[in-house]
Amino acid sequence: MAFPRRPSAFLRYLIPAALILCVFYVLTGQPGSDFASPQNFRRPWAGLGAQKHPIEYLIDSAEKEFANKISRQSHTIAEAAAAYRQRRGRHPPPGFDKWFKFAQEKNAVIVEDFWDQIYHDLEPSWALEAQRIRKDAWDFEMRIEVRDGKASSGSDWFWTKIWLKMIGTVEGLLPDMDIALNAMDEPRLVVPWEEIDELVGRAGQDKRMVRAEEVVTEFEKLAKPGEGPEKDFETPKKVWEGNKHYWLIARRGCPPTSLARQSPVITDFNRTPLIKSSFALPHMTEGYVSNYTLSTDFCHQSDLQALEGVFVEPLSVSATKTLFPMFGGSKLAVNNEILLPAPMYWNEEERFMGSQGADIPWEEKEDAVIWRGVATGGKNKEDNWRSFQRHRFVAMNNGSKITLAEQRQLEPVNFALPPKAYGLKAQKRGKLGEWVASWSNVQFIDLMCGIKGQGVRCNYTLPAPTSSNEW
């Protein structure tokens, strides 16, 4: 398979990056309150029958959309190449035929749409200088090198070892490349929206389908890190920010007119957070998520700055505005890392996989919500824990807390009752807490207290009272 000629260093990085990610997508099988009033709930299923529930409508819509996507499956290399050209506006890269054969051997369903995340992550880099990409890749302190079909790393960090093992499973299919890796739980790249917008625009202008004589069919070999022609190239300096209030860093990745950029910054988290459910309307249908991708974007949901631990005070912060080709296992919608399968899940660690009970027949499973977890997601402390999402999740699944709130004995300190527009019968009868208690089994196993000597508990997060006298 061929690819248009570009500076060789550029091809050595971005296109192999896309190939390796496609390979791993194949292997993993992954492709206070201000609630909306009832009149603001959209009803796109009008005319489908009064008995049709919003969830039924969303399931039907999703099944039809997915069936339509699957109908575009490629069964031959010619079909896959045509689909690539149509969706990417470029010829498939060198090695595309090997990737297709590998995917078929793994019985993968090959639909070009499945790889959109990869090309979204890579797109801004098409506007950067080839030498800059190459040097930034091998000059980073934590990386994996691939030379002559063998992957290696000088890092002994346990995440690196897992990723090295992962890449080792396909190393023989890969061209020479260097893979810079994020060693932290938290994402680190937040390039200003204006800069990314400009880079994507420039990349789009350069996108074209070239003539056959202009394409290459093989990648060139790479020199050892630091010995290539790009070693003297001056790359932009990376300034690493350590502001513990990550919202101030993250929101620069949003459009300048967005709520995240325009709304006042919240700095006091020692109070009940304000939940503005009206902000969620763009991705909701009758109170239910109908656009998952948009729901993960916080730019139109500025109240999330006081509702998510990652924005309030993450465990660690080290972020930069400078774009460079860093791979990572997780990120927010505004982050600019290139996603790899998360190491802990690839390694199938028991504490992350939740495999117990997976082999129980569906009809024998309990009709209940069962959850156990640790109060991670950031540094929860006495003056900010109300703004952490896991604490909120546990509280809003606690029947006693809900009962006290609906009887107006005590106002909830970190959640709000749902709007009546959902039409819940239990809520209409004033029995919402009793109903939730009948199926909810949700608890922390460790509150990760910010005060030393308290073990798995915290003096500032007491057990839920059963009456106002116990508060």
Protein backbone atom coordinates (compact mmCIF):
# COMPACT_ATOMS: atom_id res chain seq x y z
CA MET A 1 0.00 0.00 0.00
CA ALA A 2 1.29 3.47 -0.88
CA PHE A 3 1.32 6.89 0.69
CA PRO A 4 2.07 10.39 -0.67
CA ARG A 5 5.61 11.60 -0.31
CA ARG A 6 6.20 13.99 2.57
CA PRO A 7 9.31 14.73 4.59
CA SER A 8 10.45 11.30 5.71
CA ALA A 9 10.69 12.23 9.39
CA PHE A 10 7.04 13.21 9.38
CA LEU A 11 5.97 9.89 7.93
CA ARG A 12 8.18 8.08 10.39
CA TYR A 13 6.10 9.36 13.26
CA LEU A 14 2.47 10.19 12.51
CA ILE A 15 1.63 7.35 10.17
CA PRO A 16 3.24 4.62 12.31
CA ALA A 17 1.40 6.17 15.25
CA ALA A 18 -1.90 5.70 13.44
CA LEU A 19 -1.01 2.12 12.50
CA ILE A 20 -0.01 1.08 16.01
CA LEU A 21 -3.18 2.56 17.45
CA CYS A 22 -5.35 0.80 14.87
CA VAL A 23 -3.64 -2.45 15.83
CA PHE A 24 -4.41 -1.99 19.51
CA TYR A 25 -7.99 -0.96 18.83
CA VAL A 26 -8.34 -4.29 17.04
CA LEU A 27 -6.75 -6.20 19.92
CA THR A 28 -8.88 -4.56 22.61
CA GLY A 29 -12.15 -4.75 20.68
CA GLN A 30 -12.77 -1.13 21.40
CA PRO A 31 -13.61 1.28 19.15
CA GLY A 32 -27.87 23.33 45.16
CA SER A 33 -29.64 22.81 41.92
CA ASP A 34 -31.01 24.57 38.90
CA PHE A 35 -32.78 21.76 37.08
CA ALA A 36 -34.36 22.00 33.66
CA SER A 37 -38.07 22.57 33.82
CA PRO A 38 -40.35 20.03 32.09
CA GLN A 39 -40.98 22.33 29.15
CA ASN A 40 -37.25 22.30 28.37
CA PHE A 41 -37.18 18.52 27.99
CA ARG A 42 -37.03 17.69 24.27
CA ARG A 43 -39.45 15.10 22.90
CA PRO A 44 -38.20 14.01 19.45
CA TRP A 45 -40.24 10.79 19.58
CA ALA A 46 -43.59 12.64 19.38
CA GLY A 47 -45.99 10.53 17.37
CA LEU A 48 -44.29 7.24 18.23
CA GLY A 49 -46.90 6.39 20.83
CA ALA A 50 -47.65 7.73 24.28
CA GLN A 51 -46.37 4.56 25.99
CA LYS A 52 -42.90 4.69 24.46
CA HIS A 53 -40.37 5.60 27.15
CA PRO A 54 -37.42 7.90 26.32
CA ILE A 55 -34.99 5.07 27.06
CA GLU A 56 -36.77 2.86 24.53
CA TYR A 57 -36.51 5.62 21.95
CA LEU A 58 -32.80 6.07 22.61
CA ILE A 59 -32.16 2.32 22.41
CA ASP A 60 -34.02 2.11 19.09
CA SER A 61 -32.13 5.10 17.70
CA ALA A 62 -28.76 3.72 18.83
CA GLU A 63 -29.45 0.29 17.34
CA LYS A 64 -30.40 1.82 13.99
CA GLU A 65 -27.33 4.06 14.01
CA PHE A 66 -25.05 1.18 14.86
CA ALA A 67 -26.60 -1.07 12.21
CA ASN A 68 -26.02 1.67 9.66
CA LYS A 69 -22.39 1.96 10.75
CA ILE A 70 -21.81 -1.79 10.61
CA SER A 71 -23.27 -1.86 7.09
CA ARG A 72 -20.15 0.04 6.00
CA GLN A 73 -17.87 -2.82 7.08
CA SER A 74 -14.91 -3.53 4.79
CA HIS A 75 -14.37 -7.18 3.82
CA THR A 76 -11.47 -6.78 1.37
CA ILE A 77 -8.30 -4.70 1.27
CA ALA A 78 -9.71 -2.77 -1.69
CA GLU A 79 -12.86 -1.86 0.25
CA ALA A 80 -10.81 -0.85 3.30
CA ALA A 81 -8.49 1.33 1.22
CA ALA A 82 -11.44 3.02 -0.51
CA ALA A 83 -13.10 3.69 2.85
CA TYR A 84 -9.83 5.16 4.18
CA ARG A 85 -9.49 7.52 1.21
CA GLN A 86 -13.09 8.65 1.50
CA ARG A 87 -12.99 9.35 5.24
CA ARG A 88 -9.40 10.58 5.63
CA GLY A 89 -8.84 12.41 2.36
CA ARG A 90 -5.46 10.72 1.97
CA HIS A 91 -4.06 7.48 0.60
CA PRO A 92 -3.61 4.63 3.10
CA PRO A 93 -0.12 4.54 4.64
CA PRO A 94 2.66 2.03 4.03
CA GLY A 95 1.88 -1.18 5.90
CA PHE A 96 -1.88 -0.75 5.55
CA ASP A 97 -2.16 -4.14 3.83
CA LYS A 98 -0.29 -5.80 6.73
CA TRP A 99 -2.59 -4.12 9.25
CA PHE A 100 -5.67 -5.26 7.32
CA LYS A 101 -4.41 -8.86 7.24
CA PHE A 102 -3.68 -8.71 10.98
CA ALA A 103 -7.17 -7.35 11.70
CA GLN A 104 -8.81 -10.11 9.63
CA GLU A 105 -6.80 -12.78 11.44
CA LYS A 106 -8.16 -11.39 14.71
CA ASN A 107 -11.73 -11.53 13.32
CA ALA A 108 -12.05 -7.77 13.74
CA VAL A 109 -15.01 -5.87 12.36
CA ILE A 110 -13.33 -3.31 10.10
CA VAL A 111 -15.29 -0.07 9.83
CA GLU A 112 -13.21 3.02 9.08
CA ASP A 113 -15.37 5.14 11.41
CA PHE A 114 -14.09 3.11 14.37
CA TRP A 115 -10.66 4.75 14.13
CA ASP A 116 -11.89 8.38 14.24
CA GLN A 117 -10.39 8.98 17.70
CA ILE A 118 -6.93 8.18 16.36
CA TYR A 119 -7.12 10.67 13.52
CA HIS A 120 -8.72 13.31 15.71
CA ASP A 121 -5.72 13.04 18.06
CA LEU A 122 -3.17 13.15 15.23
CA GLU A 123 -4.73 15.85 13.04
CA PRO A 124 -3.07 18.99 14.57
CA SER A 125 0.38 17.44 14.18
CA TRP A 126 0.06 17.38 10.38
CA ALA A 127 0.70 21.14 10.51
CA LEU A 128 3.94 20.84 12.50
CA GLU A 129 7.49 20.59 11.13
CA ALA A 130 8.67 17.02 10.63
CA GLN A 131 11.94 17.66 12.49
CA ARG A 132 10.07 19.04 15.47
CA ILE A 133 7.85 15.95 15.74
CA ARG A 134 10.78 13.58 15.46
CA LYS A 135 12.95 15.36 18.01
CA ASP A 136 10.13 15.86 20.50
CA ALA A 137 9.38 12.13 20.29
CA TRP A 138 12.87 10.83 21.11
CA ASP A 139 13.85 13.71 23.39
CA PHE A 140 11.17 12.96 26.02
CA GLU A 141 12.34 11.27 29.23
CA MET A 142 9.86 8.38 29.12
CA ARG A 143 9.59 6.64 25.78
CA ILE A 144 9.57 3.35 23.90
CA GLU A 145 11.81 2.88 20.86
CA VAL A 146 11.12 0.55 17.94
CA ARG A 147 14.06 -0.31 15.67
CA ASP A 148 14.22 -3.16 13.15
CA GLY A 149 11.04 -4.73 14.46
CA LYS A 150 12.13 -4.77 18.14
CA ALA A 151 10.68 -2.58 20.90
CA SER A 152 12.76 -1.45 23.88
CA SER A 153 12.83 1.19 26.61
CA GLY A 154 15.32 2.62 29.05
CA SER A 155 12.55 3.35 31.58
CA ASP A 156 11.76 0.94 34.42
CA TRP A 157 8.47 2.69 35.34
CA PHE A 158 5.81 -0.02 35.70
CA TRP A 159 3.46 1.63 33.20
CA THR A 160 6.26 1.70 30.64
CA LYS A 161 6.87 -1.99 31.18
CA ILE A 162 3.19 -2.77 30.58
CA TRP A 163 3.08 -0.65 27.42
CA LEU A 164 6.36 -2.21 26.25
CA LYS A 165 4.85 -5.67 26.70
CA MET A 166 1.78 -4.53 24.76
CA ILE A 167 3.80 -3.11 21.88
CA GLY A 168 5.96 -6.21 21.91
CA THR A 169 2.96 -8.25 20.77
CA VAL A 170 3.01 -6.44 17.40
CA GLU A 171 6.57 -5.12 17.23
CA GLY A 172 7.32 -7.09 14.08
CA LEU A 173 4.60 -5.21 12.21
CA LEU A 174 5.88 -1.76 13.15
CA PRO A 175 8.31 0.56 11.37
CA ASP A 176 11.07 2.36 13.29
CA MET A 177 9.51 4.88 15.66
CA ASP A 178 9.80 6.60 19.07
CA ILE A 179 6.81 6.77 21.41
CA ALA A 180 6.78 9.44 24.13
CA LEU A 181 4.60 8.34 27.07
CA ASN A 182 2.72 10.11 29.86
CA ALA A 183 3.70 8.47 33.15
CA MET A 184 0.97 10.22 35.16
CA ASP A 185 -2.68 9.35 35.86
CA GLU A 186 -3.64 12.88 34.84
CA PRO A 187 -3.41 14.18 31.25
CA ARG A 188 -0.71 16.79 30.65
CA LEU A 189 -1.26 18.53 27.31
CA VAL A 190 -3.74 21.42 27.07
CA VAL A 191 -2.92 23.52 24.01
CA PRO A 192 -5.06 26.70 23.73
CA TRP A 193 -8.16 26.18 21.56
CA GLU A 194 -7.11 29.01 19.25
CA GLU A 195 -3.79 27.31 18.46
CA ILE A 196 -5.36 23.90 17.82
CA ASP A 197 -7.99 25.50 15.61
CA GLU A 198 -5.25 27.13 13.53
CA LEU A 199 -3.21 23.91 13.27
CA VAL A 200 -6.23 21.84 12.23
CA GLY A 201 -7.08 24.47 9.61
CA ARG A 202 -3.56 24.35 8.19
CA ALA A 203 -3.59 20.55 8.19
CA GLY A 204 -6.84 20.57 6.24
CA GLN A 205 -5.38 22.89 3.61
CA ASP A 206 -2.48 20.47 3.02
CA LYS A 207 -4.73 17.42 2.74
CA ARG A 208 -4.89 16.08 -0.81
CA MET A 209 -4.98 12.90 -2.88
CA VAL A 210 -1.70 12.83 -4.82
CA ARG A 211 -0.74 11.08 -8.04
CA ALA A 212 0.59 7.50 -7.96
CA GLU A 213 4.14 8.53 -8.82
CA GLU A 214 4.27 10.76 -5.72
CA VAL A 215 3.61 8.03 -3.19
CA VAL A 216 5.96 5.90 -1.13
CA THR A 217 5.43 2.26 -0.21
CA GLU A 218 8.00 1.74 2.56
CA PHE A 219 9.12 3.67 5.63
CA GLU A 220 12.75 4.66 5.91
CA LYS A 221 14.95 3.38 8.72
CA LEU A 222 15.58 5.65 11.71
CA ALA A 223 18.86 6.52 13.34
CA LYS A 224 19.26 5.97 17.06
CA PRO A 225 17.61 8.64 19.25
CA GLY A 226 19.71 11.79 19.19
CA GLU A 227 21.71 10.80 16.12
CA GLY A 228 19.27 11.72 13.34
CA PRO A 229 19.38 14.85 11.14
CA GLU A 230 16.82 16.56 13.41
CA LYS A 231 19.14 16.56 16.46
CA ASP A 232 20.03 20.23 15.95
CA PHE A 233 16.44 21.36 15.34
CA GLU A 234 15.25 23.95 17.87
CA THR A 235 11.99 22.69 19.41
CA PRO A 236 9.67 24.96 21.42
CA LYS A 237 10.40 25.03 25.13
CA LYS A 238 7.90 23.21 27.32
CA VAL A 239 6.85 25.05 30.47
CA TRP A 240 5.24 22.63 32.94
CA GLU A 241 2.49 24.13 35.11
CA GLY A 242 1.72 22.82 38.59
CA ASN A 243 -1.43 24.81 39.49
CA LYS A 244 -3.49 22.43 41.65
CA HIS A 245 -6.72 24.11 40.42
CA TYR A 246 -6.79 22.25 37.11
CA TRP A 247 -9.90 24.04 35.83
CA LEU A 248 -7.78 27.13 35.14
CA ILE A 249 -5.56 25.00 32.91
CA ALA A 250 -8.21 22.81 31.28
CA ARG A 251 -10.61 25.53 30.17
CA ARG A 252 -8.10 27.11 27.78
CA GLY A 253 -8.76 24.10 25.54
CA CYS A 254 -12.36 25.28 25.09
CA PRO A 255 -13.62 27.78 22.46
CA PRO A 256 -13.35 31.42 23.62
CA THR A 257 -17.14 31.85 23.53
CA SER A 258 -17.85 28.71 25.57
CA LEU A 259 -19.35 28.76 29.06
CA ALA A 260 -16.14 27.27 30.43
CA ARG A 261 -14.17 30.28 29.20
CA GLN A 262 -16.84 32.90 29.93
CA SER A 263 -18.16 31.84 33.35
CA PRO A 264 -16.64 33.07 36.63
CA VAL A 265 -14.06 30.77 38.19
CA ILE A 266 -15.16 29.02 41.39
CA THR A 267 -12.55 28.90 44.15
CA ASP A 268 -14.64 28.11 47.24
CA PHE A 269 -15.57 24.41 47.41
CA ASN A 270 -16.50 24.36 51.10
CA ARG A 271 -20.22 24.51 50.37
CA THR A 272 -22.97 22.66 48.54
CA PRO A 273 -22.13 22.83 44.82
CA LEU A 274 -24.61 24.34 42.40
CA ILE A 275 -25.77 21.77 39.84
CA LYS A 276 -26.94 23.51 36.66
CA SER A 277 -28.70 20.71 34.80
CA SER A 278 -29.79 23.18 32.13
CA PHE A 279 -26.16 23.18 30.95
CA ALA A 280 -26.57 19.51 30.03
CA LEU A 281 -29.52 20.06 27.68
CA PRO A 282 -27.38 20.07 24.48
CA HIS A 283 -26.53 16.39 25.01
CA MET A 284 -29.76 15.22 26.68
CA THR A 285 -33.10 13.94 25.49
CA GLU A 286 -35.92 14.01 28.05
CA GLY A 287 -33.34 13.99 30.82
CA TYR A 288 -31.30 11.09 29.42
CA VAL A 289 -27.91 11.25 27.67
CA SER A 290 -28.48 11.04 23.91
CA ASN A 291 -25.07 12.28 22.73
CA TYR A 292 -22.37 10.58 24.76
CA THR A 293 -19.46 12.26 22.98
CA LEU A 294 -20.85 15.73 23.67
CA SER A 295 -21.64 14.76 27.27
CA THR A 296 -17.91 14.17 27.89
CA ASP A 297 -17.09 17.72 26.78
CA PHE A 298 -17.16 20.12 29.74
CA CYS A 299 -16.87 23.29 27.65
CA HIS A 300 -20.65 23.86 27.68
CA GLN A 301 -20.97 22.70 31.30
CA SER A 302 -19.13 25.25 33.42
CA ASP A 303 -20.75 23.97 36.63
CA LEU A 304 -18.53 20.88 36.35
CA GLN A 305 -15.63 22.97 37.67
CA ALA A 306 -17.15 22.38 41.13
CA LEU A 307 -18.50 18.88 40.47
CA GLU A 308 -15.44 16.87 39.42
CA GLY A 309 -12.34 16.12 41.48
CA VAL A 310 -10.06 16.43 38.46
CA PHE A 311 -10.98 20.11 38.18
CA VAL A 312 -11.04 20.87 41.90
CA GLU A 313 -7.76 19.32 43.02
CA PRO A 314 -6.25 16.34 41.18
CA LEU A 315 -3.63 14.17 42.85
CA SER A 316 -0.90 15.72 40.71
CA VAL A 317 -0.63 18.40 38.04
CA SER A 318 2.09 18.90 35.44
CA ALA A 319 0.68 20.41 32.26
CA THR A 320 1.99 22.34 29.27
CA LYS A 321 0.57 24.47 26.45
CA THR A 322 3.13 23.12 23.98
CA LEU A 323 1.91 20.51 21.50
CA PHE A 324 4.15 17.48 21.04
CA PRO A 325 3.47 13.80 20.26
CA MET A 326 2.82 12.36 23.71
CA PHE A 327 0.84 9.15 24.10
CA GLY A 328 -1.33 8.54 27.16
CA GLY A 329 -3.92 6.15 28.57
CA SER A 330 -6.63 8.71 29.39
CA LYS A 331 -7.61 12.31 28.80
CA LEU A 332 -10.40 14.87 28.81
CA ALA A 333 -11.99 16.13 25.61
CA VAL A 334 -9.69 19.19 25.57
CA ASN A 335 -6.42 17.32 26.13
CA ASN A 336 -4.04 16.76 23.23
CA GLU A 337 -2.43 13.42 24.10
CA ILE A 338 -2.66 10.55 21.60
CA LEU A 339 -4.69 7.81 23.26
CA LEU A 340 -3.25 4.36 23.88
CA PRO A 341 -5.04 1.53 25.72
CA ALA A 342 -4.72 2.29 29.45
CA PRO A 343 -1.96 0.13 30.95
CA MET A 344 -3.92 -1.19 33.93
CA TYR A 345 -6.75 -2.45 31.77
CA TRP A 346 -4.39 -3.91 29.16
CA ASN A 347 -2.59 -5.71 31.99
CA GLU A 348 -5.98 -7.01 33.21
CA GLU A 349 -5.30 -6.07 36.82
CA GLU A 350 -8.03 -7.53 39.01
CA ARG A 351 -8.80 -4.31 40.88
CA PHE A 352 -9.64 -2.60 37.57
CA MET A 353 -11.33 -5.37 35.65
CA GLY A 354 -14.30 -6.15 37.90
CA SER A 355 -14.47 -9.66 36.48
CA GLN A 356 -16.14 -11.31 39.48
CA GLY A 357 -19.64 -12.34 38.50
CA ALA A 358 -19.00 -11.96 34.79
CA ASP A 359 -19.60 -15.68 34.31
CA ILE A 360 -22.98 -15.68 36.07
CA PRO A 361 -25.88 -16.19 33.62
CA TRP A 362 -27.82 -13.00 33.03
CA GLU A 363 -31.11 -14.41 34.33
CA GLU A 364 -29.42 -15.30 37.63
CA LYS A 365 -28.00 -11.85 38.29
CA GLU A 366 -29.56 -9.63 40.95
CA ASP A 367 -31.85 -6.82 39.87
CA ALA A 368 -29.76 -4.25 41.72
CA VAL A 369 -27.00 -1.67 41.47
CA ILE A 370 -23.90 -2.95 43.26
CA TRP A 371 -20.78 -0.78 43.53
CA ARG A 372 -17.70 -0.76 45.73
CA GLY A 373 -14.88 1.70 45.26
CA VAL A 374 -12.28 4.02 46.69
CA ALA A 375 -12.72 7.79 47.05
CA THR A 376 -10.09 8.62 44.46
CA GLY A 377 -10.36 11.10 41.61
CA GLY A 378 -8.33 13.79 43.37
CA LYS A 379 -7.32 15.03 46.82
CA ASN A 380 -10.55 15.11 48.81
CA LYS A 381 -10.27 17.26 51.93
CA GLU A 382 -12.60 18.78 54.50
CA ASP A 383 -13.00 21.97 52.47
CA ASN A 384 -13.61 20.39 49.04
CA TRP A 385 -15.03 16.83 49.30
CA ARG A 386 -18.56 18.01 48.44
CA SER A 387 -17.33 18.69 44.91
CA PHE A 388 -16.07 15.15 44.24
CA GLN A 389 -18.11 13.00 41.89
CA ARG A 390 -17.64 9.66 43.68
CA HIS A 391 -18.82 11.12 46.99
CA ARG A 392 -21.85 12.46 45.13
CA PHE A 393 -22.54 9.11 43.48
CA VAL A 394 -22.51 7.29 46.83
CA ALA A 395 -24.67 9.94 48.50
CA MET A 396 -27.32 10.03 45.76
CA ASN A 397 -27.65 6.24 45.99
CA ASN A 398 -28.19 6.36 49.75
CA GLY A 399 -31.88 5.87 50.51
CA SER A 400 -31.64 7.52 53.94
CA LYS A 401 -30.12 10.70 52.53
CA ILE A 402 -32.72 10.85 49.77
CA THR A 403 -35.58 10.37 52.24
CA LEU A 404 -34.32 13.20 54.46
CA ALA A 405 -34.05 15.44 51.40
CA GLU A 406 -37.52 14.68 50.00
CA GLN A 407 -39.09 15.13 53.45
CA ARG A 408 -37.23 18.45 53.73
CA GLN A 409 -35.67 17.43 57.04
CA LEU A 410 -32.15 18.04 55.73
CA GLU A 411 -30.89 19.53 52.51
CA PRO A 412 -28.37 17.30 50.71
CA VAL A 413 -24.84 18.68 50.97
CA ASN A 414 -23.44 17.35 47.69
CA PHE A 415 -26.32 16.32 45.41
CA ALA A 416 -29.82 17.39 44.40
CA LEU A 417 -33.07 15.49 43.95
CA PRO A 418 -34.05 14.77 40.33
CA PRO A 419 -36.63 16.99 38.63
CA LYS A 420 -40.22 15.73 38.65
CA ALA A 421 -40.21 15.77 34.87
CA TYR A 422 -38.85 12.22 34.97
CA GLY A 423 -42.29 11.08 36.14
CA LEU A 424 -41.00 8.62 38.76
CA LYS A 425 -43.96 7.08 40.59
CA ALA A 426 -41.95 6.66 43.79
CA GLN A 427 -41.05 10.33 43.75
CA LYS A 428 -44.67 11.35 43.26
CA ARG A 429 -45.61 9.32 46.36
CA GLY A 430 -42.75 10.78 48.40
CA LYS A 431 -41.08 7.34 48.52
CA LEU A 432 -38.04 7.98 46.33
CA GLY A 433 -35.55 7.15 49.10
CA GLU A 434 -37.37 3.96 50.00
CA TRP A 435 -37.43 2.89 46.33
CA VAL A 436 -33.71 3.60 45.80
CA ALA A 437 -32.85 1.65 48.97
CA SER A 438 -34.69 -1.39 47.57
CA TRP A 439 -32.18 -1.86 44.73
CA SER A 440 -29.08 0.21 45.54
CA ASN A 441 -26.03 -1.35 47.19
CA VAL A 442 -23.36 1.33 46.89
CA GLN A 443 -20.49 1.90 49.34
CA PHE A 444 -16.96 3.17 49.69
CA ILE A 445 -14.32 0.75 50.92
CA ASP A 446 -11.78 3.51 51.56
CA LEU A 447 -12.51 7.22 51.90
CA MET A 448 -8.87 8.16 51.16
CA CYS A 449 -8.99 10.78 53.88
CA GLY A 450 -6.76 13.81 53.51
CA ILE A 451 -5.97 13.70 57.23
CA LYS A 452 -3.28 11.30 58.47
CA GLY A 453 -4.18 8.66 61.01
CA GLN A 454 -7.83 8.24 60.05
CA GLY A 455 -7.44 4.99 58.16
CA VAL A 456 -10.17 4.25 55.64
CA ARG A 457 -12.61 6.71 57.26
CA CYS A 458 -12.86 10.49 57.47
CA ASN A 459 -14.24 12.60 60.29
CA TYR A 460 -15.74 15.01 57.73
CA THR A 461 -17.74 12.36 55.84
CA LEU A 462 -19.88 10.70 58.50
CA PRO A 463 -22.30 7.83 57.79
CA ALA A 464 -25.69 8.90 56.46
CA PRO A 465 -28.12 9.78 59.27
CA THR A 466 -31.51 8.09 59.44
CA SER A 467 -33.15 11.19 60.96
CA SER A 468 -32.37 14.86 61.46
CA ASN A 469 -31.54 14.12 65.12
CA GLU A 470 -28.52 12.08 64.03
CA TRP A 471 -27.02 14.75 61.80
